[in-house]
C-alpha atoms as a PDB file:
ATOM      1  CA  UNK A   1     130.137  76.158  95.867  1.00  0.00           C
ATOM      2  CA  UNK A   2     128.365  79.604  96.271  1.00  0.00           C
ATOM      3  CA  UNK A   3     130.072  82.572  94.807  1.00  0.00           C
ATOM      4  CA  UNK A   4     128.559  85.899  95.931  1.00  0.00           C
ATOM      5  CA  UNK A   5     129.642  87.571  92.595  1.00  0.00           C
ATOM      6  CA  UNK A   6     127.732  84.989  90.667  1.00  0.00           C
ATOM      7  CA  UNK A   7     124.610  85.300  92.796  1.00  0.00           C
ATOM      8  CA  UNK A   8     124.679  89.137  92.253  1.00  0.00           C
ATOM      9  CA  UNK A   9     125.414  88.828  88.408  1.00  0.00           C
ATOM     10  CA  UNK A  10     122.587  86.243  87.890  1.00  0.00           C
ATOM     11  CA  UNK A  11     120.115  88.159  89.957  1.00  0.00           C
ATOM     12  CA  UNK A  12     120.889  91.306  87.933  1.00  0.00           C
ATOM     13  CA  UNK A  13     120.312  89.620  84.630  1.00  0.00           C
ATOM     14  CA  UNK A  14     117.177  87.943  85.792  1.00  0.00           C
ATOM     15  CA  UNK A  15     115.880  91.385  87.007  1.00  0.00           C
ATOM     16  CA  UNK A  16     116.553  92.930  83.587  1.00  0.00           C
ATOM     17  CA  UNK A  17     114.674  90.261  81.694  1.00  0.00           C
ATOM     18  CA  UNK A  18     111.556  90.834  83.849  1.00  0.00           C
ATOM     19  CA  UNK A  19     112.123  94.399  85.074  1.00  0.00           C
ATOM     20  CA  UNK A  20     108.673  95.933  85.118  1.00  0.00           C
ATOM     21  CA  UNK A  21     106.864  93.035  86.734  1.00  0.00           C
ATOM     22  CA  UNK A  22     109.814  92.438  89.149  1.00  0.00           C
ATOM     23  CA  UNK A  23     110.018  96.094  90.075  1.00  0.00           C
ATOM     24  CA  UNK A  24     106.157  96.131  90.815  1.00  0.00           C
ATOM     25  CA  UNK A  25     106.409  93.041  92.898  1.00  0.00           C
ATOM     26  CA  UNK A  26     109.534  94.200  94.613  1.00  0.00           C
ATOM     27  CA  UNK A  27     107.983  97.491  95.670  1.00  0.00           C
ATOM     28  CA  UNK A  28     105.022  95.735  97.187  1.00  0.00           C
ATOM     29  CA  UNK A  29     107.381  93.339  98.923  1.00  0.00           C
ATOM     30  CA  UNK A  30     109.264  96.194 100.494  1.00  0.00           C
ATOM     31  CA  UNK A  31     105.996  97.603 101.707  1.00  0.00           C
ATOM     32  CA  UNK A  32     104.827  94.300 103.339  1.00  0.00           C
ATOM     33  CA  UNK A  33     108.230  93.692 104.772  1.00  0.00           C
ATOM     34  CA  UNK A  34     108.352  97.073 106.490  1.00  0.00           C
ATOM     35  CA  UNK A  35     104.741  96.552 107.728  1.00  0.00           C
ATOM     36  CA  UNK A  36     105.846  93.041 108.964  1.00  0.00           C
ATOM     37  CA  UNK A  37     108.553  94.617 111.150  1.00  0.00           C
ATOM     38  CA  UNK A  38     106.059  97.162 112.613  1.00  0.00           C
ATOM     39  CA  UNK A  39     103.563  94.359 113.218  1.00  0.00           C
ATOM     40  CA  UNK A  40     106.274  92.170 114.858  1.00  0.00           C
ATOM     41  CA  UNK A  41     107.119  95.060 117.277  1.00  0.00           C
ATOM     42  CA  UNK A  42     103.613  95.896 118.245  1.00  0.00           C
ATOM     43  CA  UNK A  43     102.706  92.123 118.436  1.00  0.00           C
ATOM     44  CA  UNK A  44     105.599  91.655 120.991  1.00  0.00           C
ATOM     45  CA  UNK A  45     104.562  94.679 122.930  1.00  0.00           C
ATOM     46  CA  UNK A  46     101.009  93.216 123.083  1.00  0.00           C
ATOM     47  CA  UNK A  47     102.291  90.040 124.266  1.00  0.00           C
ATOM     48  CA  UNK A  48     104.402  91.525 127.028  1.00  0.00           C
ATOM     49  CA  UNK A  49     101.432  93.767 128.152  1.00  0.00           C
ATOM     50  CA  UNK A  50      99.174  90.599 128.100  1.00  0.00           C
ATOM     51  CA  UNK A  51     101.602  88.819 130.384  1.00  0.00           C
ATOM     52  CA  UNK A  52     102.172  91.899 132.727  1.00  0.00           C
ATOM     53  CA  UNK A  53      98.599  93.042 133.055  1.00  0.00           C
ATOM     54  CA  UNK A  54      96.761  89.784 132.948  1.00  0.00           C
ATOM     55  CA  UNK A  55      94.415  90.783 135.699  1.00  0.00           C
ATOM     56  CA  UNK A  56      93.485  94.286 134.410  1.00  0.00           C
ATOM     57  CA  UNK A  57      90.415  93.974 132.099  1.00  0.00           C
ATOM     58  CA  UNK A  58      91.078  97.148 130.094  1.00  0.00           C
ATOM     59  CA  UNK A  59      94.770  96.242 129.550  1.00  0.00           C
ATOM     60  CA  UNK A  60      93.773  92.735 128.811  1.00  0.00           C
ATOM     61  CA  UNK A  61      91.347  93.886 126.017  1.00  0.00           C
ATOM     62  CA  UNK A  62      93.928  96.312 124.669  1.00  0.00           C
ATOM     63  CA  UNK A  63      96.485  93.747 124.550  1.00  0.00           C
ATOM     64  CA  UNK A  64      94.263  91.183 122.830  1.00  0.00           C
ATOM     65  CA  UNK A  65      93.598  93.977 120.194  1.00  0.00           C
ATOM     66  CA  UNK A  66      97.204  94.589 119.537  1.00  0.00           C
ATOM     67  CA  UNK A  67      97.788  90.820 119.242  1.00  0.00           C
ATOM     68  CA  UNK A  68      94.869  90.340 116.941  1.00  0.00           C
ATOM     69  CA  UNK A  69      96.092  93.230 114.682  1.00  0.00           C
ATOM     70  CA  UNK A  70      99.505  91.543 114.693  1.00  0.00           C
ATOM     71  CA  UNK A  71      98.037  88.131 113.677  1.00  0.00           C
ATOM     72  CA  UNK A  72      95.778  89.686 110.975  1.00  0.00           C
ATOM     73  CA  UNK A  73      98.755  91.540 109.345  1.00  0.00           C
ATOM     74  CA  UNK A  74     100.903  88.504 109.463  1.00  0.00           C
ATOM     75  CA  UNK A  75      98.190  86.561 107.587  1.00  0.00           C
ATOM     76  CA  UNK A  76      98.096  89.296 104.938  1.00  0.00           C
ATOM     77  CA  UNK A  77     101.854  89.226 104.822  1.00  0.00           C
ATOM     78  CA  UNK A  78     101.794  85.567 104.348  1.00  0.00           C
ATOM     79  CA  UNK A  79      99.455  85.812 101.457  1.00  0.00           C
ATOM     80  CA  UNK A  80     101.371  88.329  99.684  1.00  0.00           C
ATOM     81  CA  UNK A  81     104.831  86.739 100.468  1.00  0.00           C
ATOM     82  CA  UNK A  82     103.553  83.494  99.012  1.00  0.00           C
ATOM     83  CA  UNK A  83     102.595  85.549  95.839  1.00  0.00           C
ATOM     84  CA  UNK A  84     106.200  86.897  95.678  1.00  0.00           C
ATOM     85  CA  UNK A  85     107.730  83.393  96.000  1.00  0.00           C
ATOM     86  CA  UNK A  86     105.202  82.100  93.293  1.00  0.00           C
ATOM     87  CA  UNK A  87     106.202  84.907  90.979  1.00  0.00           C
ATOM     88  CA  UNK A  88     109.889  84.097  91.449  1.00  0.00           C
ATOM     89  CA  UNK A  89     109.270  80.350  91.094  1.00  0.00           C
ATOM     90  CA  UNK A  90     107.203  80.773  87.874  1.00  0.00           C
ATOM     91  CA  UNK A  91     109.977  82.924  86.113  1.00  0.00           C
ATOM     92  CA  UNK A  92     112.656  80.465  87.348  1.00  0.00           C
ATOM     93  CA  UNK A  93     110.996  77.530  85.837  1.00  0.00           C
ATOM     94  CA  UNK A  94     110.074  79.330  82.598  1.00  0.00           C
ATOM     95  CA  UNK A  95     106.345  79.259  83.386  1.00  0.00           C
ATOM     96  CA  UNK A  96     104.010  82.113  82.484  1.00  0.00           C
ATOM     97  CA  UNK A  97     104.217  84.898  85.119  1.00  0.00           C
ATOM     98  CA  UNK A  98     102.954  88.250  85.811  1.00  0.00           C
ATOM     99  CA  UNK A  99     102.599  90.855  88.527  1.00  0.00           C
ATOM    100  CA  UNK A 100      99.173  89.183  89.328  1.00  0.00           C
ATOM    101  CA  UNK A 101     101.102  86.232  90.849  1.00  0.00           C
ATOM    102  CA  UNK A 102     101.388  88.345  93.785  1.00  0.00           C
ATOM    103  CA  UNK A 103      97.823  87.717  94.659  1.00  0.00           C
ATOM    104  CA  UNK A 104      97.688  83.987  93.839  1.00  0.00           C
ATOM    105  CA  UNK A 105      99.448  82.564  96.724  1.00  0.00           C
ATOM    106  CA  UNK A 106      96.360  81.808  98.779  1.00  0.00           C
ATOM    107  CA  UNK A 107      96.985  78.069  98.519  1.00  0.00           C
ATOM    108  CA  UNK A 108     100.308  78.479 100.411  1.00  0.00           C
ATOM    109  CA  UNK A 109      99.055  81.221 102.807  1.00  0.00           C
ATOM    110  CA  UNK A 110      98.262  79.248 105.948  1.00  0.00           C
ATOM    111  CA  UNK A 111     101.447  77.209 105.863  1.00  0.00           C
ATOM    112  CA  UNK A 112     103.344  80.380 105.105  1.00  0.00           C
ATOM    113  CA  UNK A 113     101.667  82.098 108.111  1.00  0.00           C
ATOM    114  CA  UNK A 114     102.575  79.249 110.455  1.00  0.00           C
ATOM    115  CA  UNK A 115     106.278  79.208 109.304  1.00  0.00           C
ATOM    116  CA  UNK A 116     106.601  83.071 109.345  1.00  0.00           C
ATOM    117  CA  UNK A 117     105.337  83.239 113.047  1.00  0.00           C
ATOM    118  CA  UNK A 118     107.804  80.527 114.068  1.00  0.00           C
ATOM    119  CA  UNK A 119     110.527  82.261 112.146  1.00  0.00           C
ATOM    120  CA  UNK A 120     109.801  85.778 113.289  1.00  0.00           C
ATOM    121  CA  UNK A 121     109.509  84.952 116.986  1.00  0.00           C
ATOM    122  CA  UNK A 122     112.810  82.860 116.838  1.00  0.00           C
ATOM    123  CA  UNK A 123     114.664  85.678 115.231  1.00  0.00           C
ATOM    124  CA  UNK A 124     113.169  88.269 117.569  1.00  0.00           C
ATOM    125  CA  UNK A 125     114.207  86.256 120.645  1.00  0.00           C
ATOM    126  CA  UNK A 126     117.481  85.646 119.126  1.00  0.00           C
ATOM    127  CA  UNK A 127     118.167  89.320 118.563  1.00  0.00           C
ATOM    128  CA  UNK A 128     116.715  90.318 122.143  1.00  0.00           C
ATOM    129  CA  UNK A 129     119.044  87.835 123.942  1.00  0.00           C
ATOM    130  CA  UNK A 130     122.054  88.618 121.756  1.00  0.00           C
ATOM    131  CA  UNK A 131     122.571  90.004 118.287  1.00  0.00           C
ATOM    132  CA  UNK A 132     124.682  86.954 116.892  1.00  0.00           C
ATOM    133  CA  UNK A 133     122.101  84.321 117.754  1.00  0.00           C
ATOM    134  CA  UNK A 134     119.420  86.337 115.837  1.00  0.00           C
ATOM    135  CA  UNK A 135     121.603  86.682 112.783  1.00  0.00           C
ATOM    136  CA  UNK A 136     122.552  83.008 112.910  1.00  0.00           C
ATOM    137  CA  UNK A 137     118.828  81.961 113.046  1.00  0.00           C
ATOM    138  CA  UNK A 138     117.913  84.301 110.361  1.00  0.00           C
ATOM    139  CA  UNK A 139     120.591  82.954 108.113  1.00  0.00           C
ATOM    140  CA  UNK A 140     119.707  79.256 108.674  1.00  0.00           C
ATOM    141  CA  UNK A 141     115.969  79.608 108.235  1.00  0.00           C
ATOM    142  CA  UNK A 142     115.303  82.630 105.774  1.00  0.00           C
ATOM    143  CA  UNK A 143     114.714  80.563 102.681  1.00  0.00           C
ATOM    144  CA  UNK A 144     111.628  78.784 104.125  1.00  0.00           C
ATOM    145  CA  UNK A 145     109.287  80.660 101.937  1.00  0.00           C
ATOM    146  CA  UNK A 146     110.704  79.258  98.681  1.00  0.00           C
ATOM    147  CA  UNK A 147     110.587  75.768  99.917  1.00  0.00           C
ATOM    148  CA  UNK A 148     106.785  76.222 100.977  1.00  0.00           C
ATOM    149  CA  UNK A 149     105.811  77.565  97.467  1.00  0.00           C
ATOM    150  CA  UNK A 150     108.364  76.033  95.137  1.00  0.00           C
ATOM    151  CA  UNK A 151     108.479  72.527  96.932  1.00  0.00           C
ATOM    152  CA  UNK A 152     105.085  72.585  98.402  1.00  0.00           C
ATOM    153  CA  UNK A 153     106.453  71.789 101.824  1.00  0.00           C
ATOM    154  CA  UNK A 154     104.729  72.181 105.140  1.00  0.00           C
ATOM    155  CA  UNK A 155     105.818  74.934 107.583  1.00  0.00           C
ATOM    156  CA  UNK A 156     108.107  72.686 109.689  1.00  0.00           C
ATOM    157  CA  UNK A 157     109.619  70.807 106.796  1.00  0.00           C
ATOM    158  CA  UNK A 158     110.214  74.032 105.050  1.00  0.00           C
ATOM    159  CA  UNK A 159     112.154  75.501 107.963  1.00  0.00           C
ATOM    160  CA  UNK A 160     114.025  72.256 108.317  1.00  0.00           C
ATOM    161  CA  UNK A 161     115.007  72.289 104.606  1.00  0.00           C
ATOM    162  CA  UNK A 162     116.149  75.805 104.825  1.00  0.00           C
ATOM    163  CA  UNK A 163     118.313  74.918 107.817  1.00  0.00           C
ATOM    164  CA  UNK A 164     119.862  71.819 105.888  1.00  0.00           C
ATOM    165  CA  UNK A 165     120.703  73.535 102.793  1.00  0.00           C
ATOM    166  CA  UNK A 166     122.420  76.473 104.425  1.00  0.00           C
ATOM    167  CA  UNK A 167     124.390  74.152 106.811  1.00  0.00           C
ATOM    168  CA  UNK A 168     127.279  73.304 104.593  1.00  0.00           C
ATOM    169  CA  UNK A 169     127.594  76.825 103.074  1.00  0.00           C
ATOM    170  CA  UNK A 170     126.991  78.816 106.282  1.00  0.00           C
ATOM    171  CA  UNK A 171     129.796  81.327 105.713  1.00  0.00           C
ATOM    172  CA  UNK A 172     128.980  81.866 101.928  1.00  0.00           C
ATOM    173  CA  UNK A 173     125.235  82.157 102.706  1.00  0.00           C
ATOM    174  CA  UNK A 174     125.822  84.693 105.451  1.00  0.00           C
ATOM    175  CA  UNK A 175     128.126  86.577 103.088  1.00  0.00           C
ATOM    176  CA  UNK A 176     125.451  86.547 100.388  1.00  0.00           C
ATOM    177  CA  UNK A 177     122.853  87.914 102.788  1.00  0.00           C
ATOM    178  CA  UNK A 178     125.169  90.722 103.848  1.00  0.00           C
ATOM    179  CA  UNK A 179     125.599  91.471 100.231  1.00  0.00           C
ATOM    180  CA  UNK A 180     121.794  91.516  99.619  1.00  0.00           C
ATOM    181  CA  UNK A 181     121.517  93.846 102.541  1.00  0.00           C
ATOM    182  CA  UNK A 182     124.393  96.048 101.271  1.00  0.00           C
ATOM    183  CA  UNK A 183     122.923  96.233  97.676  1.00  0.00           C
ATOM    184  CA  UNK A 184     119.539  97.234  99.125  1.00  0.00           C
ATOM    185  CA  UNK A 185     120.940 100.024 101.304  1.00  0.00           C
ATOM    186  CA  UNK A 186     123.271 101.229  98.638  1.00  0.00           C
ATOM    187  CA  UNK A 187     120.656 101.521  95.881  1.00  0.00           C
ATOM    188  CA  UNK A 188     117.560 102.478  97.775  1.00  0.00           C
ATOM    189  CA  UNK A 189     118.529 106.173  98.430  1.00  0.00           C
ATOM    190  CA  UNK A 190     119.180 106.672  94.665  1.00  0.00           C
ATOM    191  CA  UNK A 191     116.598 108.218  92.384  1.00  0.00           C
ATOM    192  CA  UNK A 192     113.933 105.562  91.697  1.00  0.00           C
ATOM    193  CA  UNK A 193     116.208 103.163  93.666  1.00  0.00           C
ATOM    194  CA  UNK A 194     113.396 101.576  95.517  1.00  0.00           C
ATOM    195  CA  UNK A 195     112.179 100.089  92.173  1.00  0.00           C
ATOM    196  CA  UNK A 196     115.603  98.465  91.673  1.00  0.00           C
ATOM    197  CA  UNK A 197     116.905  97.646  95.160  1.00  0.00           C
ATOM    198  CA  UNK A 198     114.170  95.452  96.608  1.00  0.00           C
ATOM    199  CA  UNK A 199     113.559  93.345  93.386  1.00  0.00           C
ATOM    200  CA  UNK A 200     117.221  92.889  92.985  1.00  0.00           C
ATOM    201  CA  UNK A 201     117.438  91.753  96.641  1.00  0.00           C
ATOM    202  CA  UNK A 202     114.495  89.473  96.057  1.00  0.00           C
ATOM    203  CA  UNK A 203     116.355  87.839  92.962  1.00  0.00           C
ATOM    204  CA  UNK A 204     119.405  87.370  94.877  1.00  0.00           C
ATOM    205  CA  UNK A 205     117.728  85.376  97.502  1.00  0.00           C
ATOM    206  CA  UNK A 206     115.927  83.358  94.860  1.00  0.00           C
ATOM    207  CA  UNK A 207     119.307  82.698  93.082  1.00  0.00           C
ATOM    208  CA  UNK A 208     120.950  81.783  96.423  1.00  0.00           C
ATOM    209  CA  UNK A 209     117.955  79.339  97.059  1.00  0.00           C
ATOM    210  CA  UNK A 210     118.315  77.604  93.732  1.00  0.00           C
ATOM    211  CA  UNK A 211     122.059  77.410  94.104  1.00  0.00           C
ATOM    212  CA  UNK A 212     121.895  75.761  97.441  1.00  0.00           C
ATOM    213  CA  UNK A 213     119.162  73.282  96.431  1.00  0.00           C
ATOM    214  CA  UNK A 214     121.267  72.138  93.503  1.00  0.00           C
ATOM    215  CA  UNK A 215     123.836  70.680  96.038  1.00  0.00           C
ATOM    216  CA  UNK A 216     121.061  69.012  98.364  1.00  0.00           C
ATOM    217  CA  UNK A 217     118.944  66.481  96.639  1.00  0.00           C
ATOM    218  CA  UNK A 218     117.840  65.331 100.098  1.00  0.00           C
ATOM    219  CA  UNK A 219     115.311  68.094 100.145  1.00  0.00           C
ATOM    220  CA  UNK A 220     113.601  66.805  97.069  1.00  0.00           C
ATOM    221  CA  UNK A 221     114.053  66.842  93.240  1.00  0.00           C
ATOM    222  CA  UNK A 222     116.102  70.102  92.531  1.00  0.00           C
ATOM    223  CA  UNK A 223     114.049  72.556  90.638  1.00  0.00           C
ATOM    224  CA  UNK A 224     115.416  74.072  87.374  1.00  0.00           C
ATOM    225  CA  UNK A 225     117.978  76.702  88.460  1.00  0.00           C
ATOM    226  CA  UNK A 226     117.826  80.210  87.213  1.00  0.00           C
ATOM    227  CA  UNK A 227     120.212  80.364  84.148  1.00  0.00           C
ATOM    228  CA  UNK A 228     122.425  83.421  83.366  1.00  0.00           C
ATOM    229  CA  UNK A 229     121.820  85.056  80.077  1.00  0.00           C
END
């Protein structure tokens, strides 16, 4: 049973115990997320141009350039997001952790890259076709990064695992994600809010992941859950 108030409360207590490192990681996470959205938009534009102007050599080269930039940024995003998940996993399991974990995710980078591309394209098409399918796809698959790093799963297995654990708690998961977004938008405009909003949202997702995994041994041996202080 997922309780949104418990997710928020546990995330807040965990944030306070590792505030400075979480704030630093969260700030970088916000930058790479914003950049990822921009890269996705330009990547989709490049693909459309590539399809529409396949016979135009100049347009073809320009489109290839946009797609190449899109791919390069998503590779960078995958490296840093692997580091974010590693940071969260280390703290959650009581292992030594620091801000430098953000740059230690290279071992998961290529699997994260493949899963991120699949996830981003699926969500983008879902949103383009109709808003609800995009939100549904995001809700079901958004925890894939934790599965890649914390469970060492491949991209497809990680996406399937996220789909599986969110299935029985779809309504509560969606409510928790809405709460994550609400907290982020409410706190970000405040003075220094950027150093609280993103790391708190990051920990809310982490708590949601561990709570859902505790009820689904089918995805593997459940990791140690984040304990409230």
